[in-house]
Amino acid sequence: MQDFIRQENIALFKTRLADPRIAEPERAVLLRLLAEEVTKGQEPQLATAGAGLAVGSIHHVASVARV
């Protein structure tokens, strides 16, 4: 159930971010929320060798939100 909710949240955030009329403060919040949801889905993978790349990608998304 949690995975379904996470996937739906990610889809919603991506849809909202695709709207060119969105204000920058709202875009920043949506990017932060998207990064959090993606991170939630990768937590069990943190013990794997490729986890550093996945976490780095999340940090990139989060840093874009601060710009």
N, C-alpha and C. Protein backbone atom coordinates (compact mmCIF):
# COMPACT_ATOMS: atom_id res chain seq x y z
N MET A 1 0.82 -1.19 0.00
CA MET A 1 0.00 0.00 0.00
C MET A 1 0.87 1.26 0.00
N GLN A 2 1.92 1.27 0.83
CA GLN A 2 2.81 2.43 0.90
C GLN A 2 3.50 2.67 -0.44
N ASP A 3 3.86 1.60 -1.13
CA ASP A 3 4.52 1.74 -2.42
C ASP A 3 3.57 2.37 -3.44
N PHE A 4 2.31 1.98 -3.40
CA PHE A 4 1.31 2.56 -4.30
C PHE A 4 1.17 4.07 -4.05
N ILE A 5 1.08 4.44 -2.79
CA ILE A 5 0.94 5.86 -2.43
C ILE A 5 2.16 6.64 -2.89
N ARG A 6 3.35 6.06 -2.66
CA ARG A 6 4.59 6.71 -3.09
C ARG A 6 4.61 6.91 -4.60
N GLN A 7 4.22 5.90 -5.35
CA GLN A 7 4.20 6.00 -6.81
C GLN A 7 3.20 7.05 -7.28
N GLU A 8 2.06 7.11 -6.65
CA GLU A 8 1.05 8.10 -7.01
C GLU A 8 1.53 9.52 -6.69
N ASN A 9 2.20 9.68 -5.54
CA ASN A 9 2.75 10.99 -5.18
C ASN A 9 3.79 11.43 -6.21
N ILE A 10 4.67 10.51 -6.60
CA ILE A 10 5.70 10.84 -7.59
C ILE A 10 5.05 11.26 -8.90
N ALA A 11 4.05 10.54 -9.35
CA ALA A 11 3.36 10.89 -10.59
C ALA A 11 2.70 12.26 -10.49
N LEU A 12 2.07 12.54 -9.36
CA LEU A 12 1.43 13.83 -9.15
C LEU A 12 2.45 14.97 -9.16
N PHE A 13 3.56 14.79 -8.45
CA PHE A 13 4.57 15.83 -8.39
C PHE A 13 5.16 16.10 -9.77
N LYS A 14 5.40 15.06 -10.55
CA LYS A 14 5.95 15.23 -11.90
C LYS A 14 4.95 15.96 -12.80
N THR A 15 3.68 15.62 -12.67
CA THR A 15 2.64 16.29 -13.46
C THR A 15 2.59 17.77 -13.11
N ARG A 16 2.60 18.07 -11.84
CA ARG A 16 2.53 19.48 -11.41
C ARG A 16 3.77 20.25 -11.85
N LEU A 17 4.95 19.61 -11.80
CA LEU A 17 6.19 20.27 -12.20
C LEU A 17 6.23 20.54 -13.71
N ALA A 18 5.49 19.77 -14.48
CA ALA A 18 5.47 19.96 -15.94
C ALA A 18 4.67 21.20 -16.35
N ASP A 19 3.88 21.74 -15.44
CA ASP A 19 3.06 22.92 -15.73
C ASP A 19 3.95 24.16 -15.78
N PRO A 20 4.06 24.83 -16.94
CA PRO A 20 4.93 25.99 -17.04
C PRO A 20 4.43 27.22 -16.26
N ARG A 21 3.18 27.19 -15.83
CA ARG A 21 2.62 28.33 -15.09
C ARG A 21 2.90 28.28 -13.60
N ILE A 22 3.53 27.24 -13.13
CA ILE A 22 3.78 27.06 -11.70
C ILE A 22 4.77 28.11 -11.19
N ALA A 23 4.50 28.67 -10.03
CA ALA A 23 5.38 29.68 -9.43
C ALA A 23 6.63 29.01 -8.87
N GLU A 24 7.72 29.74 -8.83
CA GLU A 24 9.00 29.19 -8.36
C GLU A 24 8.95 28.67 -6.92
N PRO A 25 8.30 29.37 -5.99
CA PRO A 25 8.24 28.81 -4.63
C PRO A 25 7.52 27.45 -4.59
N GLU A 26 6.43 27.32 -5.36
CA GLU A 26 5.72 26.05 -5.41
C GLU A 26 6.58 24.98 -6.09
N ARG A 27 7.31 25.37 -7.14
CA ARG A 27 8.20 24.43 -7.84
C ARG A 27 9.26 23.90 -6.88
N ALA A 28 9.81 24.78 -6.05
CA ALA A 28 10.83 24.37 -5.09
C ALA A 28 10.27 23.36 -4.10
N VAL A 29 9.07 23.61 -3.62
CA VAL A 29 8.43 22.68 -2.66
C VAL A 29 8.18 21.33 -3.34
N LEU A 30 7.66 21.36 -4.56
CA LEU A 30 7.38 20.12 -5.27
C LEU A 30 8.65 19.33 -5.55
N LEU A 31 9.73 20.01 -5.89
CA LEU A 31 11.00 19.32 -6.11
C LEU A 31 11.50 18.66 -4.83
N ARG A 32 11.34 19.36 -3.71
CA ARG A 32 11.76 18.78 -2.42
C ARG A 32 10.92 17.55 -2.08
N LEU A 33 9.61 17.67 -2.28
CA LEU A 33 8.72 16.54 -2.00
C LEU A 33 9.01 15.37 -2.93
N LEU A 34 9.28 15.66 -4.20
CA LEU A 34 9.62 14.60 -5.15
C LEU A 34 10.89 13.89 -4.71
N ALA A 35 11.90 14.66 -4.31
CA ALA A 35 13.15 14.06 -3.85
C ALA A 35 12.91 13.17 -2.63
N GLU A 36 12.07 13.61 -1.71
CA GLU A 36 11.77 12.80 -0.52
C GLU A 36 11.08 11.49 -0.90
N GLU A 37 10.11 11.56 -1.81
CA GLU A 37 9.39 10.35 -2.21
C GLU A 37 10.31 9.37 -2.92
N VAL A 38 11.17 9.88 -3.80
CA VAL A 38 12.10 9.00 -4.51
C VAL A 38 13.06 8.36 -3.51
N THR A 39 13.52 9.13 -2.54
CA THR A 39 14.42 8.60 -1.52
C THR A 39 13.75 7.50 -0.71
N LYS A 40 12.49 7.67 -0.38
CA LYS A 40 11.76 6.64 0.36
C LYS A 40 11.79 5.31 -0.37
N GLY A 41 11.68 5.35 -1.67
CA GLY A 41 11.68 4.13 -2.45
C GLY A 41 13.04 3.48 -2.58
N GLN A 42 14.10 4.21 -2.25
CA GLN A 42 15.45 3.68 -2.39
C GLN A 42 16.09 3.31 -1.07
N GLU A 43 15.43 3.54 0.04
CA GLU A 43 16.02 3.25 1.34
C GLU A 43 16.48 1.80 1.49
N PRO A 44 15.71 0.80 1.06
CA PRO A 44 16.19 -0.57 1.22
C PRO A 44 17.43 -0.86 0.37
N GLN A 45 17.67 -0.07 -0.66
CA GLN A 45 18.79 -0.30 -1.56
C GLN A 45 20.08 0.35 -1.06
N LEU A 46 20.04 1.08 0.04
CA LEU A 46 21.22 1.80 0.50
C LEU A 46 22.38 0.87 0.83
N ALA A 47 22.12 -0.38 1.11
CA ALA A 47 23.18 -1.32 1.43
C ALA A 47 23.88 -1.85 0.19
N THR A 48 23.37 -1.55 -1.00
CA THR A 48 23.96 -2.05 -2.23
C THR A 48 25.05 -1.13 -2.73
N ALA A 49 25.87 -1.62 -3.62
CA ALA A 49 27.00 -0.85 -4.14
C ALA A 49 26.55 0.36 -4.95
N GLY A 50 25.43 0.28 -5.65
CA GLY A 50 24.98 1.38 -6.49
C GLY A 50 24.21 2.45 -5.75
N ALA A 51 24.08 2.33 -4.46
CA ALA A 51 23.27 3.28 -3.70
C ALA A 51 23.85 4.68 -3.72
N GLY A 52 25.16 4.82 -3.77
CA GLY A 52 25.77 6.14 -3.78
C GLY A 52 25.31 6.97 -4.95
N LEU A 53 25.19 6.34 -6.10
CA LEU A 53 24.73 7.05 -7.30
C LEU A 53 23.29 7.48 -7.13
N ALA A 54 22.45 6.60 -6.60
CA ALA A 54 21.04 6.94 -6.42
C ALA A 54 20.89 8.08 -5.43
N VAL A 55 21.61 8.04 -4.34
CA VAL A 55 21.52 9.10 -3.35
C VAL A 55 22.06 10.40 -3.92
N GLY A 56 23.13 10.32 -4.71
CA GLY A 56 23.67 11.52 -5.35
C GLY A 56 22.66 12.16 -6.27
N SER A 57 21.87 11.35 -6.97
CA SER A 57 20.84 11.89 -7.85
C SER A 57 19.80 12.65 -7.05
N ILE A 58 19.44 12.15 -5.89
CA ILE A 58 18.45 12.80 -5.04
C ILE A 58 19.01 14.14 -4.56
N HIS A 59 20.27 14.15 -4.19
CA HIS A 59 20.87 15.41 -3.75
C HIS A 59 20.86 16.44 -4.87
N HIS A 60 21.05 15.97 -6.10
CA HIS A 60 21.00 16.88 -7.24
C HIS A 60 19.62 17.48 -7.39
N VAL A 61 18.57 16.65 -7.30
CA VAL A 61 17.20 17.14 -7.40
C VAL A 61 16.92 18.14 -6.29
N ALA A 62 17.38 17.83 -5.08
CA ALA A 62 17.14 18.73 -3.96
C ALA A 62 17.90 20.04 -4.14
N SER A 63 19.10 19.99 -4.70
CA SER A 63 19.86 21.22 -4.89
C SER A 63 19.22 22.12 -5.94
N VAL A 64 18.60 21.53 -6.92
CA VAL A 64 17.90 22.30 -7.94
C VAL A 64 16.74 23.06 -7.31
N ALA A 65 16.11 22.46 -6.30
CA ALA A 65 14.99 23.10 -5.63
C ALA A 65 15.41 24.36 -4.89
N ARG A 66 16.68 24.42 -4.46
CA ARG A 66 17.16 25.58 -3.72
C ARG A 66 17.53 26.75 -4.63
N VAL A 67 17.69 26.50 -5.93
CA VAL A 67 18.14 27.55 -6.85
C VAL A 67 17.05 28.53 -7.14
